[in-house]
């Protein structure tokens, strides 16, 4: 399905970090509030909790 509303540059950048996030961006997007921490706690094992938390921050950042 063609995506005509995005420029070629936007298509190439979609879903990717164009540069490493700054400290302010990391603090803004990867700081988890109480609701997010409750979601993370629902995962069974430590590595699943860590992975979920990273995915949550990444989605918010992108």
Protein backbone atom coordinates (compact mmCIF):
# COMPACT_ATOMS: atom_id res chain seq x y z
CA UNK A 1 0.00 0.00 0.00
CA UNK A 2 1.61 3.31 -1.00
CA UNK A 3 2.25 5.88 1.66
CA UNK A 4 1.96 9.18 -0.18
CA UNK A 5 1.88 11.54 2.79
CA UNK A 6 5.45 10.81 3.92
CA UNK A 7 8.54 12.19 2.24
CA UNK A 8 11.30 9.79 1.19
CA UNK A 9 13.38 11.07 4.11
CA UNK A 10 10.54 10.38 6.57
CA UNK A 11 10.06 6.88 5.17
CA UNK A 12 13.79 6.14 5.55
CA UNK A 13 13.77 7.43 9.16
CA UNK A 14 10.53 5.71 10.23
CA UNK A 15 11.00 3.55 13.34
CA UNK A 16 14.71 4.36 13.70
CA UNK A 17 16.84 6.53 15.90
CA UNK A 18 18.58 9.05 13.64
CA UNK A 19 21.13 9.86 16.35
CA UNK A 20 21.76 8.73 19.90
CA UNK A 21 19.17 10.24 22.25
CA UNK A 22 20.33 13.09 24.45
CA UNK A 23 20.31 12.82 28.24
CA UNK A 24 17.19 15.03 28.35
CA UNK A 25 15.42 12.75 25.85
CA UNK A 26 16.39 9.65 27.82
CA UNK A 27 15.02 11.22 30.99
CA UNK A 28 11.84 12.31 29.24
CA UNK A 29 10.98 9.07 27.48
CA UNK A 30 12.51 6.36 29.65
CA UNK A 31 11.46 7.61 33.09
CA UNK A 32 8.61 5.30 34.09
CA UNK A 33 5.71 6.57 36.16
CA UNK A 34 3.76 4.40 38.61
CA UNK A 35 1.34 3.14 35.96
CA UNK A 36 4.19 2.08 33.67
CA UNK A 37 6.04 0.37 36.52
CA UNK A 38 2.88 -1.63 37.28
CA UNK A 39 2.80 -2.80 33.66
CA UNK A 40 6.47 -3.80 33.88
CA UNK A 41 5.87 -5.73 37.14
CA UNK A 42 3.31 -7.92 35.37
CA UNK A 43 6.09 -9.58 33.36
CA UNK A 44 7.33 -12.85 34.84
CA UNK A 45 11.10 -12.80 34.76
CA UNK A 46 13.69 -10.05 35.23
CA UNK A 47 14.84 -10.15 31.60
CA UNK A 48 11.23 -9.90 30.40
CA UNK A 49 10.61 -6.94 32.69
CA UNK A 50 13.75 -5.18 31.47
CA UNK A 51 12.92 -5.86 27.82
CA UNK A 52 9.37 -4.61 28.24
CA UNK A 53 10.56 -1.42 29.97
CA UNK A 54 13.05 -0.74 27.16
CA UNK A 55 10.40 -1.34 24.51
CA UNK A 56 8.01 0.97 26.31
CA UNK A 57 10.58 3.78 26.41
CA UNK A 58 11.60 3.19 22.81
CA UNK A 59 8.03 3.38 21.53
CA UNK A 60 7.48 6.60 23.45
CA UNK A 61 10.71 8.05 22.07
CA UNK A 62 10.12 7.12 18.44
